[in-house]
PDB file of N, CA and C in Angstrom:
ATOM      1  N   UNK A   1       6.051  16.324  47.107  1.00  0.00           N
ATOM      2  CA  UNK A   1       5.546  17.242  46.126  1.00  0.00           C
ATOM      3  C   UNK A   1       5.094  16.431  44.901  1.00  0.00           C
ATOM      4  N   UNK A   2       3.911  16.692  44.380  1.00  0.00           N
ATOM      5  CA  UNK A   2       3.409  15.929  43.235  1.00  0.00           C
ATOM      6  C   UNK A   2       4.161  16.218  41.944  1.00  0.00           C
ATOM      7  N   UNK A   3       4.159  15.244  41.061  1.00  0.00           N
ATOM      8  CA  UNK A   3       4.751  15.390  39.737  1.00  0.00           C
ATOM      9  C   UNK A   3       3.618  15.438  38.720  1.00  0.00           C
ATOM     10  N   UNK A   4       3.643  16.450  37.868  1.00  0.00           N
ATOM     11  CA  UNK A   4       2.612  16.621  36.849  1.00  0.00           C
ATOM     12  C   UNK A   4       3.211  16.432  35.469  1.00  0.00           C
ATOM     13  N   UNK A   5       2.426  15.846  34.568  1.00  0.00           N
ATOM     14  CA  UNK A   5       2.841  15.632  33.180  1.00  0.00           C
ATOM     15  C   UNK A   5       2.266  16.748  32.315  1.00  0.00           C
ATOM     16  N   UNK A   6       3.115  17.286  31.452  1.00  0.00           N
ATOM     17  CA  UNK A   6       2.710  18.338  30.518  1.00  0.00           C
ATOM     18  C   UNK A   6       3.078  17.917  29.107  1.00  0.00           C
ATOM     19  N   UNK A   7       2.371  18.490  28.119  1.00  0.00           N
ATOM     20  CA  UNK A   7       2.707  18.265  26.721  1.00  0.00           C
ATOM     21  C   UNK A   7       2.485  19.562  25.955  1.00  0.00           C
ATOM     22  N   UNK A   8       3.468  19.890  25.101  1.00  0.00           N
ATOM     23  CA  UNK A   8       3.397  21.098  24.298  1.00  0.00           C
ATOM     24  C   UNK A   8       2.387  20.899  23.166  1.00  0.00           C
ATOM     25  N   UNK A   9       1.550  21.891  22.942  1.00  0.00           N
ATOM     26  CA  UNK A   9       0.546  21.820  21.884  1.00  0.00           C
ATOM     27  C   UNK A   9       1.147  22.111  20.508  1.00  0.00           C
ATOM     28  N   UNK A  10       2.335  22.753  20.470  1.00  0.00           N
ATOM     29  CA  UNK A  10       2.961  23.107  19.200  1.00  0.00           C
ATOM     30  C   UNK A  10       3.920  22.013  18.718  1.00  0.00           C
ATOM     31  N   UNK A  11       4.910  21.667  19.551  1.00  0.00           N
ATOM     32  CA  UNK A  11       5.946  20.715  19.112  1.00  0.00           C
ATOM     33  C   UNK A  11       5.704  19.288  19.604  1.00  0.00           C
ATOM     34  N   UNK A  12       4.792  19.088  20.547  1.00  0.00           N
ATOM     35  CA  UNK A  12       4.493  17.746  21.038  1.00  0.00           C
ATOM     36  C   UNK A  12       5.430  17.256  22.129  1.00  0.00           C
ATOM     37  N   UNK A  13       6.359  18.103  22.588  1.00  0.00           N
ATOM     38  CA  UNK A  13       7.315  17.720  23.639  1.00  0.00           C
ATOM     39  C   UNK A  13       6.551  17.413  24.935  1.00  0.00           C
ATOM     40  N   UNK A  14       6.816  16.249  25.508  1.00  0.00           N
ATOM     41  CA  UNK A  14       6.205  15.852  26.777  1.00  0.00           C
ATOM     42  C   UNK A  14       7.257  15.911  27.876  1.00  0.00           C
ATOM     43  N   UNK A  15       6.862  16.408  29.041  1.00  0.00           N
ATOM     44  CA  UNK A  15       7.794  16.529  30.161  1.00  0.00           C
ATOM     45  C   UNK A  15       7.029  16.481  31.469  1.00  0.00           C
ATOM     46  N   UNK A  16       7.788  16.291  32.542  1.00  0.00           N
ATOM     47  CA  UNK A  16       7.231  16.254  33.890  1.00  0.00           C
ATOM     48  C   UNK A  16       7.731  17.452  34.664  1.00  0.00           C
ATOM     49  N   UNK A  17       6.924  17.910  35.602  1.00  0.00           N
ATOM     50  CA  UNK A  17       7.331  19.019  36.463  1.00  0.00           C
ATOM     51  C   UNK A  17       6.856  18.735  37.881  1.00  0.00           C
ATOM     52  N   UNK A  18       7.769  18.904  38.846  1.00  0.00           N
ATOM     53  CA  UNK A  18       7.403  18.774  40.252  1.00  0.00           C
ATOM     54  C   UNK A  18       6.910  20.133  40.718  1.00  0.00           C
ATOM     55  N   UNK A  19       5.663  20.165  41.160  1.00  0.00           N
ATOM     56  CA  UNK A  19       5.062  21.412  41.590  1.00  0.00           C
ATOM     57  C   UNK A  19       4.221  21.179  42.835  1.00  0.00           C
ATOM     58  N   UNK A  20       4.072  22.226  43.594  1.00  0.00           N
ATOM     59  CA  UNK A  20       3.153  22.187  44.705  1.00  0.00           C
ATOM     60  C   UNK A  20       1.735  22.246  44.149  1.00  0.00           C
ATOM     61  N   UNK A  21       0.774  21.793  44.908  1.00  0.00           N
ATOM     62  CA  UNK A  21      -0.609  21.861  44.445  1.00  0.00           C
ATOM     63  C   UNK A  21      -1.086  23.304  44.324  1.00  0.00           C
ATOM     64  N   UNK A  22      -0.444  24.197  45.053  1.00  0.00           N
ATOM     65  CA  UNK A  22      -0.839  25.605  45.036  1.00  0.00           C
ATOM     66  C   UNK A  22      -0.203  26.371  43.880  1.00  0.00           C
ATOM     67  N   UNK A  23       0.840  25.814  43.245  1.00  0.00           N
ATOM     68  CA  UNK A  23       1.505  26.502  42.140  1.00  0.00           C
ATOM     69  C   UNK A  23       0.582  26.588  40.929  1.00  0.00           C
ATOM     70  N   UNK A  24       0.683  27.679  40.157  1.00  0.00           N
ATOM     71  CA  UNK A  24      -0.123  27.772  38.932  1.00  0.00           C
ATOM     72  C   UNK A  24       0.400  26.807  37.871  1.00  0.00           C
ATOM     73  N   UNK A  25      -0.455  26.433  36.933  1.00  0.00           N
ATOM     74  CA  UNK A  25      -0.056  25.547  35.838  1.00  0.00           C
ATOM     75  C   UNK A  25       1.008  26.220  34.990  1.00  0.00           C
ATOM     76  N   UNK A  26       1.905  25.397  34.408  1.00  0.00           N
ATOM     77  CA  UNK A  26       2.895  25.936  33.473  1.00  0.00           C
ATOM     78  C   UNK A  26       2.174  26.312  32.173  1.00  0.00           C
ATOM     79  N   UNK A  27       2.713  27.331  31.486  1.00  0.00           N
ATOM     80  CA  UNK A  27       2.046  27.791  30.263  1.00  0.00           C
ATOM     81  C   UNK A  27       2.930  27.721  29.033  1.00  0.00           C
ATOM     82  N   UNK A  28       4.273  27.743  29.192  1.00  0.00           N
ATOM     83  CA  UNK A  28       5.177  27.787  28.042  1.00  0.00           C
ATOM     84  C   UNK A  28       6.036  26.535  27.971  1.00  0.00           C
ATOM     85  N   UNK A  29       6.323  26.101  26.738  1.00  0.00           N
ATOM     86  CA  UNK A  29       7.152  24.932  26.493  1.00  0.00           C
ATOM     87  C   UNK A  29       8.608  25.229  26.868  1.00  0.00           C
ATOM     88  N   UNK A  30       9.280  24.303  27.576  1.00  0.00           N
ATOM     89  CA  UNK A  30      10.670  24.529  27.974  1.00  0.00           C
ATOM     90  C   UNK A  30      11.692  24.229  26.873  1.00  0.00           C
ATOM     91  N   UNK A  31      11.262  23.680  25.742  1.00  0.00           N
ATOM     92  CA  UNK A  31      12.176  23.364  24.647  1.00  0.00           C
ATOM     93  C   UNK A  31      12.752  24.650  24.053  1.00  0.00           C
ATOM     94  N   UNK A  32      14.055  24.656  23.760  1.00  0.00           N
ATOM     95  CA  UNK A  32      14.644  25.835  23.132  1.00  0.00           C
ATOM     96  C   UNK A  32      14.042  26.069  21.739  1.00  0.00           C
ATOM     97  N   UNK A  33      13.676  27.298  21.466  1.00  0.00           N
ATOM     98  CA  UNK A  33      13.119  27.662  20.166  1.00  0.00           C
ATOM     99  C   UNK A  33      11.626  27.436  20.049  1.00  0.00           C
ATOM    100  N   UNK A  34      10.992  26.894  21.055  1.00  0.00           N
ATOM    101  CA  UNK A  34       9.546  26.674  21.025  1.00  0.00           C
ATOM    102  C   UNK A  34       8.930  27.390  22.217  1.00  0.00           C
ATOM    103  N   UNK A  35       8.012  28.248  21.948  1.00  0.00           N
ATOM    104  CA  UNK A  35       7.314  28.951  23.029  1.00  0.00           C
ATOM    105  C   UNK A  35       5.835  28.625  22.990  1.00  0.00           C
ATOM    106  N   UNK A  36       5.542  27.433  22.519  1.00  0.00           N
ATOM    107  CA  UNK A  36       4.147  27.019  22.379  1.00  0.00           C
ATOM    108  C   UNK A  36       3.471  26.809  23.716  1.00  0.00           C
ATOM    109  N   UNK A  37       2.158  26.823  23.716  1.00  0.00           N
ATOM    110  CA  UNK A  37       1.422  26.593  24.965  1.00  0.00           C
ATOM    111  C   UNK A  37       1.489  25.117  25.358  1.00  0.00           C
ATOM    112  N   UNK A  38       1.491  24.876  26.651  1.00  0.00           N
ATOM    113  CA  UNK A  38       1.505  23.501  27.157  1.00  0.00           C
ATOM    114  C   UNK A  38       0.185  23.205  27.853  1.00  0.00           C
ATOM    115  N   UNK A  39      -0.153  21.954  27.853  1.00  0.00           N
ATOM    116  CA  UNK A  39      -1.378  21.517  28.520  1.00  0.00           C
ATOM    117  C   UNK A  39      -1.006  20.426  29.509  1.00  0.00           C
ATOM    118  N   UNK A  40      -1.556  20.531  30.698  1.00  0.00           N
ATOM    119  CA  UNK A  40      -1.297  19.507  31.705  1.00  0.00           C
ATOM    120  C   UNK A  40      -2.145  18.286  31.388  1.00  0.00           C
ATOM    121  N   UNK A  41      -1.486  17.141  31.365  1.00  0.00           N
ATOM    122  CA  UNK A  41      -2.166  15.885  31.044  1.00  0.00           C
ATOM    123  C   UNK A  41      -2.767  15.296  32.315  1.00  0.00           C
ATOM    124  N   UNK A  42      -3.817  14.551  32.131  1.00  0.00           N
ATOM    125  CA  UNK A  42      -4.451  13.876  33.262  1.00  0.00           C
ATOM    126  C   UNK A  42      -3.714  12.564  33.479  1.00  0.00           C
ATOM    127  N   UNK A  43      -3.201  12.394  34.681  1.00  0.00           N
ATOM    128  CA  UNK A  43      -2.449  11.182  34.999  1.00  0.00           C
ATOM    129  C   UNK A  43      -3.249  10.249  35.881  1.00  0.00           C
ATOM    130  N   UNK A  44      -2.727   9.062  36.035  1.00  0.00           N
ATOM    131  CA  UNK A  44      -3.366   8.069  36.889  1.00  0.00           C
ATOM    132  C   UNK A  44      -2.985   8.240  38.346  1.00  0.00           C
ATOM    133  N   UNK A  45      -2.024   9.088  38.605  1.00  0.00           N
ATOM    134  CA  UNK A  45      -1.551   9.234  39.970  1.00  0.00           C
ATOM    135  C   UNK A  45      -0.494   8.199  40.277  1.00  0.00           C
ATOM    136  N   UNK A  46       0.049   8.267  41.427  1.00  0.00           N
ATOM    137  CA  UNK A  46       1.086   7.307  41.792  1.00  0.00           C
ATOM    138  C   UNK A  46       0.505   6.279  42.741  1.00  0.00           C
ATOM    139  N   UNK A  47       1.017   5.090  42.644  1.00  0.00           N
ATOM    140  CA  UNK A  47       0.597   4.040  43.544  1.00  0.00           C
ATOM    141  C   UNK A  47       1.393   4.114  44.839  1.00  0.00           C
ATOM    142  N   UNK A  48       1.017   3.341  45.791  1.00  0.00           N
ATOM    143  CA  UNK A  48       1.781   3.280  47.027  1.00  0.00           C
ATOM    144  C   UNK A  48       2.051   1.832  47.350  1.00  0.00           C
ATOM    145  N   UNK A  49       3.120   1.611  48.064  1.00  0.00           N
ATOM    146  CA  UNK A  49       3.583   0.266  48.353  1.00  0.00           C
ATOM    147  C   UNK A  49       3.564   0.054  49.859  1.00  0.00           C
ATOM    148  N   UNK A  50       2.979  -1.047  50.279  1.00  0.00           N
ATOM    149  CA  UNK A  50       3.003  -1.410  51.687  1.00  0.00           C
ATOM    150  C   UNK A  50       4.317  -2.109  51.977  1.00  0.00           C
ATOM    151  N   UNK A  51       5.034  -1.623  52.970  1.00  0.00           N
ATOM    152  CA  UNK A  51       6.273  -2.279  53.380  1.00  0.00           C
ATOM    153  C   UNK A  51       6.184  -2.592  54.865  1.00  0.00           C
ATOM    154  N   UNK A  52       6.732  -3.710  55.239  1.00  0.00           N
ATOM    155  CA  UNK A  52       6.732  -4.093  56.635  1.00  0.00           C
ATOM    156  C   UNK A  52       5.576  -5.021  56.958  1.00  0.00           C
ATOM    157  N   UNK A  53       5.508  -5.432  58.196  1.00  0.00           N
ATOM    158  CA  UNK A  53       4.439  -6.342  58.594  1.00  0.00           C
ATOM    159  C   UNK A  53       3.211  -5.545  59.011  1.00  0.00           C
ATOM    160  N   UNK A  54       2.085  -6.226  59.085  1.00  0.00           N
ATOM    161  CA  UNK A  54       0.870  -5.580  59.553  1.00  0.00           C
ATOM    162  C   UNK A  54      -0.089  -5.209  58.446  1.00  0.00           C
ATOM    163  N   UNK A  55       0.135  -5.681  57.226  1.00  0.00           N
ATOM    164  CA  UNK A  55      -0.730  -5.310  56.127  1.00  0.00           C
ATOM    165  C   UNK A  55      -1.531  -6.488  55.580  1.00  0.00           C
ATOM    166  N   UNK A  56      -1.439  -7.632  56.215  1.00  0.00           N
ATOM    167  CA  UNK A  56      -2.167  -8.795  55.756  1.00  0.00           C
ATOM    168  C   UNK A  56      -3.146  -9.230  56.828  1.00  0.00           C
ATOM    169  N   UNK A  57      -4.231  -9.831  56.426  1.00  0.00           N
ATOM    170  CA  UNK A  57      -5.257 -10.239  57.379  1.00  0.00           C
ATOM    171  C   UNK A  57      -4.717 -11.281  58.356  1.00  0.00           C
ATOM    172  N   UNK A  58      -3.760 -12.082  57.918  1.00  0.00           N
ATOM    173  CA  UNK A  58      -3.205 -13.095  58.811  1.00  0.00           C
ATOM    174  C   UNK A  58      -2.366 -12.485  59.921  1.00  0.00           C
ATOM    175  N   UNK A  59      -1.940 -11.239  59.763  1.00  0.00           N
ATOM    176  CA  UNK A  59      -1.182 -10.579  60.825  1.00  0.00           C
ATOM    177  C   UNK A  59      -2.079 -10.185  61.997  1.00  0.00           C
ATOM    178  N   UNK A  60      -3.381 -10.144  61.780  1.00  0.00           N
ATOM    179  CA  UNK A  60      -4.304  -9.695  62.816  1.00  0.00           C
ATOM    180  C   UNK A  60      -5.148 -10.829  63.378  1.00  0.00           C
ATOM    181  N   UNK A  61      -4.785 -12.063  63.137  1.00  0.00           N
ATOM    182  CA  UNK A  61      -5.569 -13.186  63.639  1.00  0.00           C
ATOM    183  C   UNK A  61      -5.473 -13.264  65.148  1.00  0.00           C
ATOM    184  N   UNK A  62      -6.534 -13.756  65.770  1.00  0.00           N
ATOM    185  CA  UNK A  62      -6.556 -13.887  67.216  1.00  0.00           C
ATOM    186  C   UNK A  62      -5.708 -15.084  67.637  1.00  0.00           C
ATOM    187  N   UNK A  63      -5.367 -15.115  68.918  1.00  0.00           N
ATOM    188  CA  UNK A  63      -4.576 -16.223  69.443  1.00  0.00           C
ATOM    189  C   UNK A  63      -5.361 -17.538  69.378  1.00  0.00           C
ATOM    190  N   UNK A  64      -6.681 -17.477  69.571  1.00  0.00           N
ATOM    191  CA  UNK A  64      -7.504 -18.678  69.498  1.00  0.00           C
ATOM    192  C   UNK A  64      -7.491 -19.256  68.083  1.00  0.00           C
ATOM    193  N   UNK A  65      -7.545 -18.382  67.080  1.00  0.00           N
ATOM    194  CA  UNK A  65      -7.515 -18.853  65.691  1.00  0.00           C
ATOM    195  C   UNK A  65      -6.164 -19.507  65.389  1.00  0.00           C
ATOM    196  N   UNK A  66      -5.082 -18.882  65.835  1.00  0.00           N
ATOM    197  CA  UNK A  66      -3.753 -19.442  65.589  1.00  0.00           C
ATOM    198  C   UNK A  66      -3.600 -20.810  66.251  1.00  0.00           C
ATOM    199  N   UNK A  67      -4.134 -20.951  67.467  1.00  0.00           N
ATOM    200  CA  UNK A  67      -4.039 -22.226  68.172  1.00  0.00           C
ATOM    201  C   UNK A  67      -4.845 -23.299  67.444  1.00  0.00           C
ATOM    202  N   UNK A  68      -6.039 -22.956  66.964  1.00  0.00           N
ATOM    203  CA  UNK A  68      -6.865 -23.925  66.243  1.00  0.00           C
ATOM    204  C   UNK A  68      -6.213 -24.312  64.923  1.00  0.00           C
ATOM    205  N   UNK A  69      -5.612 -23.370  64.244  1.00  0.00           N
ATOM    206  CA  UNK A  69      -4.946 -23.663  62.977  1.00  0.00           C
ATOM    207  C   UNK A  69      -3.748 -24.579  63.200  1.00  0.00           C
ATOM    208  N   UNK A  70      -3.008 -24.331  64.268  1.00  0.00           N
ATOM    209  CA  UNK A  70      -1.863 -25.186  64.572  1.00  0.00           C
ATOM    210  C   UNK A  70      -2.323 -26.600  64.914  1.00  0.00           C
ATOM    211  N   UNK A  71      -3.429 -26.712  65.660  1.00  0.00           N
ATOM    212  CA  UNK A  71      -3.958 -28.024  66.025  1.00  0.00           C
ATOM    213  C   UNK A  71      -4.449 -28.761  64.780  1.00  0.00           C
ATOM    214  N   UNK A  72      -5.129 -28.068  63.874  1.00  0.00           N
ATOM    215  CA  UNK A  72      -5.612 -28.693  62.640  1.00  0.00           C
ATOM    216  C   UNK A  72      -4.452 -29.179  61.779  1.00  0.00           C
ATOM    217  N   UNK A  73      -3.411 -28.383  61.672  1.00  0.00           N
ATOM    218  CA  UNK A  73      -2.289 -28.787  60.826  1.00  0.00           C
ATOM    219  C   UNK A  73      -1.531 -29.963  61.433  1.00  0.00           C
ATOM    220  N   UNK A  74      -1.394 -29.994  62.750  1.00  0.00           N
ATOM    221  CA  UNK A  74      -0.688 -31.113  63.375  1.00  0.00           C
ATOM    222  C   UNK A  74      -1.528 -32.382  63.327  1.00  0.00           C
ATOM    223  N   UNK A  75      -2.852 -32.279  63.484  1.00  0.00           N
ATOM    224  CA  UNK A  75      -3.690 -33.480  63.453  1.00  0.00           C
ATOM    225  C   UNK A  75      -3.809 -34.026  62.035  1.00  0.00           C
ATOM    226  N   UNK A  76      -3.837 -33.178  61.041  1.00  0.00           N
ATOM    227  CA  UNK A  76      -3.941 -33.675  59.663  1.00  0.00           C
ATOM    228  C   UNK A  76      -2.628 -34.306  59.218  1.00  0.00           C
ATOM    229  N   UNK A  77      -1.497 -33.787  59.645  1.00  0.00           N
ATOM    230  CA  UNK A  77      -0.219 -34.399  59.271  1.00  0.00           C
ATOM    231  C   UNK A  77       0.005 -35.688  60.052  1.00  0.00           C
ATOM    232  N   UNK A  78      -0.447 -35.749  61.287  1.00  0.00           N
ATOM    233  CA  UNK A  78      -0.318 -36.957  62.092  1.00  0.00           C
ATOM    234  C   UNK A  78      -1.205 -38.073  61.580  1.00  0.00           C
ATOM    235  N   UNK A  79      -2.400 -37.754  61.095  1.00  0.00           N
ATOM    236  CA  UNK A  79      -3.328 -38.764  60.581  1.00  0.00           C
ATOM    237  C   UNK A  79      -2.788 -39.377  59.299  1.00  0.00           C
ATOM    238  N   UNK A  80      -2.126 -38.603  58.492  1.00  0.00           N
ATOM    239  CA  UNK A  80      -1.576 -39.105  57.236  1.00  0.00           C
ATOM    240  C   UNK A  80      -0.444 -40.079  57.482  1.00  0.00           C
ATOM    241  N   UNK A  81       0.402 -39.836  58.451  1.00  0.00           N
ATOM    242  CA  UNK A  81       1.513 -40.743  58.733  1.00  0.00           C
ATOM    243  C   UNK A  81       1.014 -42.009  59.421  1.00  0.00           C
ATOM    244  N   UNK A  82      -0.025 -41.888  60.259  1.00  0.00           N
ATOM    245  CA  UNK A  82      -0.566 -43.060  60.949  1.00  0.00           C
ATOM    246  C   UNK A  82      -1.236 -43.994  59.951  1.00  0.00           C
ATOM    247  N   UNK A  83      -1.950 -43.454  58.995  1.00  0.00           N
ATOM    248  CA  UNK A  83      -2.628 -44.284  57.998  1.00  0.00           C
ATOM    249  C   UNK A  83      -1.611 -45.005  57.121  1.00  0.00           C
ATOM    250  N   UNK A  84      -0.530 -44.348  56.794  1.00  0.00           N
ATOM    251  CA  UNK A  84       0.488 -44.956  55.948  1.00  0.00           C
ATOM    252  C   UNK A  84       1.187 -46.100  56.686  1.00  0.00           C
ATOM    253  N   UNK A  85       1.461 -45.887  57.973  1.00  0.00           N
ATOM    254  CA  UNK A  85       2.155 -46.941  58.713  1.00  0.00           C
ATOM    255  C   UNK A  85       1.236 -48.129  58.975  1.00  0.00           C
ATOM    256  N   UNK A  86      -0.051 -47.900  59.254  1.00  0.00           N
ATOM    257  CA  UNK A  86      -0.959 -49.019  59.495  1.00  0.00           C
ATOM    258  C   UNK A  86      -1.258 -49.756  58.197  1.00  0.00           C
ATOM    259  N   UNK A  87      -1.281 -49.041  57.092  1.00  0.00           N
ATOM    260  CA  UNK A  87      -1.524 -49.681  55.802  1.00  0.00           C
ATOM    261  C   UNK A  87      -0.382 -50.605  55.442  1.00  0.00           C
ATOM    262  N   UNK A  88       0.832 -50.230  55.774  1.00  0.00           N
ATOM    263  CA  UNK A  88       1.990 -51.064  55.480  1.00  0.00           C
ATOM    264  C   UNK A  88       1.983 -52.321  56.324  1.00  0.00           C
ATOM    265  N   UNK A  89       1.530 -52.262  57.571  1.00  0.00           N
ATOM    266  CA  UNK A  89       1.504 -53.396  58.472  1.00  0.00           C
ATOM    267  C   UNK A  89       0.437 -54.391  58.043  1.00  0.00           C
ATOM    268  N   UNK A  90      -0.743 -53.915  57.657  1.00  0.00           N
ATOM    269  CA  UNK A  90      -1.813 -54.814  57.284  1.00  0.00           C
ATOM    270  C   UNK A  90      -1.513 -55.558  55.995  1.00  0.00           C
ATOM    271  N   UNK A  91      -0.827 -54.908  55.075  1.00  0.00           N
ATOM    272  CA  UNK A  91      -0.522 -55.588  53.820  1.00  0.00           C
ATOM    273  C   UNK A  91       0.512 -56.680  54.013  1.00  0.00           C
ATOM    274  N   UNK A  92       1.452 -56.488  54.943  1.00  0.00           N
ATOM    275  CA  UNK A  92       2.450 -57.528  55.187  1.00  0.00           C
ATOM    276  C   UNK A  92       1.846 -58.702  55.936  1.00  0.00           C
ATOM    277  N   UNK A  93       0.858 -58.450  56.832  1.00  0.00           N
ATOM    278  CA  UNK A  93       0.239 -59.541  57.571  1.00  0.00           C
ATOM    279  C   UNK A  93      -0.687 -60.343  56.681  1.00  0.00           C
ATOM    280  N   UNK A  94      -1.331 -59.700  55.705  1.00  0.00           N
ATOM    281  CA  UNK A  94      -2.224 -60.439  54.807  1.00  0.00           C
ATOM    282  C   UNK A  94      -1.417 -61.299  53.839  1.00  0.00           C
ATOM    283  N   UNK A  95      -0.195 -60.881  53.543  1.00  0.00           N
ATOM    284  CA  UNK A  95       0.635 -61.657  52.643  1.00  0.00           C
ATOM    285  C   UNK A  95       1.113 -62.940  53.320  1.00  0.00           C
ATOM    286  N   UNK A  96       1.288 -62.925  54.635  1.00  0.00           N
ATOM    287  CA  UNK A  96       1.768 -64.107  55.347  1.00  0.00           C
ATOM    288  C   UNK A  96       0.630 -65.066  55.652  1.00  0.00           C
ATOM    289  N   UNK A  97      -0.598 -64.646  55.603  1.00  0.00           N
ATOM    290  CA  UNK A  97      -1.693 -65.518  55.965  1.00  0.00           C
ATOM    291  C   UNK A  97      -2.137 -66.414  54.883  1.00  0.00           C
TER     292      UNK A  97
END
């Protein structure tokens, strides 16, 4: 059921009311001693929250894309370690020569 914001035109009291969309607008202020007219305020509405899996583009990737991504990540990490180890060997051999 939606929540609507109201404000009294006489005393300025602001309040919320849960109403069905089919219910008529409220007309009287609920504050004791004030029977002023109320006006429904325009709200931004409520947001919604995605919970659980299945809401990201990466959740819908194809198996071929996942395999290529895994291959790219393993080859890039392997190339970095190979370059570091070969660089260490060449520097030690040049020092002895």
